[in-house]
Protein backbone atom coordinates (compact mmCIF):
# COMPACT_ATOMS: atom_id res chain seq x y z
CA UNK A 1 139.71 173.54 -28.83
CA UNK A 2 137.19 175.61 -26.83
CA UNK A 3 137.87 177.01 -23.46
CA UNK A 4 135.51 174.46 -21.73
CA UNK A 5 136.75 171.45 -23.50
CA UNK A 6 140.50 172.48 -22.41
CA UNK A 7 139.15 172.76 -19.02
CA UNK A 8 137.67 169.37 -18.45
CA UNK A 9 140.80 167.69 -20.32
CA UNK A 10 143.04 169.38 -17.67
CA UNK A 11 144.64 166.75 -15.23
CA UNK A 12 146.65 169.04 -13.24
CA UNK A 13 145.81 169.14 -9.54
CA UNK A 14 143.96 165.73 -9.69
CA UNK A 15 146.28 164.33 -7.04
CA UNK A 16 145.34 167.25 -4.77
CA UNK A 17 141.83 166.70 -5.26
CA UNK A 18 142.06 162.97 -4.33
CA UNK A 19 144.00 163.82 -1.31
CA UNK A 20 141.51 166.38 -0.01
CA UNK A 21 138.57 163.57 -0.58
CA UNK A 22 140.66 160.77 1.07
CA UNK A 23 142.75 162.48 3.78
CA UNK A 24 139.77 163.07 6.18
CA UNK A 25 138.91 159.51 6.08
CA UNK A 26 142.47 158.16 6.34
CA UNK A 27 143.15 160.55 9.24
CA UNK A 28 139.95 159.48 11.18
CA UNK A 29 141.10 155.84 10.64
CA UNK A 30 144.53 156.58 11.94
CA UNK A 31 143.21 158.44 14.79
CA UNK A 32 140.73 155.57 15.80
CA UNK A 33 143.74 152.97 15.66
CA UNK A 34 145.52 155.17 18.11
CA UNK A 35 142.69 155.69 20.51
CA UNK A 36 141.89 151.88 20.25
CA UNK A 37 145.37 151.21 20.98
CA UNK A 38 145.37 153.51 24.14
CA UNK A 39 142.19 151.80 25.36
CA UNK A 40 143.72 148.50 25.20
CA UNK A 41 146.96 149.53 26.77
CA UNK A 42 144.99 150.91 29.66
CA UNK A 43 142.89 147.68 30.21
CA UNK A 44 146.27 145.63 30.04
CA UNK A 45 147.82 147.91 32.64
CA UNK A 46 144.86 147.78 34.88
CA UNK A 47 144.84 143.73 34.42
CA UNK A 48 148.78 143.63 34.94
CA UNK A 49 148.40 145.82 38.22
CA UNK A 50 145.53 143.82 39.58
CA UNK A 51 147.17 140.62 39.09
CA UNK A 52 150.65 141.57 40.63
CA UNK A 53 148.94 143.23 43.80
CA UNK A 54 146.77 140.37 44.17
CA UNK A 55 150.05 137.98 44.17
CA UNK A 56 151.95 140.33 46.36
CA UNK A 57 149.27 140.33 49.07
CA UNK A 58 149.41 136.59 49.04
CA UNK A 59 153.26 135.96 48.97
CA UNK A 60 154.82 139.16 50.30
CA UNK A 61 153.30 140.39 53.62
CA UNK A 62 155.99 143.01 54.10
CA UNK A 63 155.43 144.97 50.78
CA UNK A 64 151.69 144.27 50.59
CA UNK A 65 150.34 143.70 54.18
CA UNK A 66 146.68 142.60 54.11
CA UNK A 67 145.95 144.54 57.11
CA UNK A 68 146.80 147.74 54.96
CA UNK A 69 144.69 147.55 51.76
CA UNK A 70 146.05 151.09 50.95
CA UNK A 71 149.52 149.73 50.45
CA UNK A 72 148.01 146.94 48.15
CA UNK A 73 146.19 149.33 45.91
CA UNK A 74 149.22 151.72 45.84
CA UNK A 75 151.37 148.88 44.74
CA UNK A 76 148.70 147.83 42.09
CA UNK A 77 148.74 151.52 40.70
CA UNK A 78 152.54 151.42 40.57
CA UNK A 79 152.56 148.19 38.51
CA UNK A 80 149.94 149.32 35.86
CA UNK A 81 152.36 149.51 32.96
CA UNK A 82 153.40 153.12 33.40
CA UNK A 83 149.80 154.44 33.61
CA UNK A 84 149.23 157.22 36.02
CA UNK A 85 146.14 155.78 37.50
CA UNK A 86 145.31 156.76 41.07
CA UNK A 87 145.15 154.06 43.95
CA UNK A 88 141.72 154.61 44.24
CA UNK A 89 141.18 152.94 40.85
CA UNK A 90 141.93 149.65 42.61
CA UNK A 91 140.09 147.93 45.43
CA UNK A 92 141.20 145.00 47.70
CA UNK A 93 139.08 142.27 49.27
CA UNK A 94 139.28 138.75 50.55
CA UNK A 95 136.56 136.59 49.19
CA UNK A 96 136.55 132.77 49.19
CA UNK A 97 139.09 132.78 46.41
CA UNK A 98 141.99 134.36 48.50
CA UNK A 99 143.20 137.75 47.92
CA UNK A 100 141.36 139.85 45.38
CA UNK A 101 142.27 143.01 43.69
CA UNK A 102 139.70 144.70 41.28
CA UNK A 103 139.99 147.95 39.22
CA UNK A 104 137.56 150.03 37.69
CA UNK A 105 138.48 153.20 35.47
CA UNK A 106 136.58 155.62 33.35
CA UNK A 107 138.49 155.86 30.00
CA UNK A 108 137.73 159.36 28.47
CA UNK A 109 137.58 159.60 24.85
CA UNK A 110 138.91 162.82 23.25
CA UNK A 111 136.34 165.69 23.53
CA UNK A 112 136.48 165.90 19.69
CA UNK A 113 134.52 162.64 19.42
CA UNK A 114 131.97 163.50 21.87
CA UNK A 115 131.56 160.03 23.21
CA UNK A 116 130.52 158.84 26.54
CA UNK A 117 133.40 157.64 28.80
CA UNK A 118 133.82 153.66 28.58
CA UNK A 119 134.11 151.94 32.11
CA UNK A 120 137.08 149.54 31.90
CA UNK A 121 137.35 146.79 34.59
CA UNK A 122 139.88 144.28 35.62
CA UNK A 123 140.00 141.74 38.50
CA UNK A 124 142.27 139.04 39.83
CA UNK A 125 142.26 136.54 42.64
CA UNK A 126 145.24 134.77 44.15
CA UNK A 127 144.75 132.00 46.50
CA UNK A 128 145.76 132.61 49.97
């Protein structure tokens, strides 16, 4: 058997080669799932904080006085599923529907992806 025939018939290292070809795609997919999870968690936290703050403004005048919107937005920030969102993410208003809390946040993807930030929004209105 010639040396070239022996080289092409050799199967050692085939698993390492397959791993080298598939690993970048696998890790990119895994990283994408994690980032999508963080994005959805942030969205859910913002919605939860807005809903609880709008309800608090209606039913608990001591904890969330409507005359002090800063306390309402701070309460919303505290109730956002453990996210460290600043109170300025949330805004309080009193439209026709009652006490409304809205949120807007720029979700920044990791720099390695080089993507523009995605604006997440949430809103909740509780009848007064």
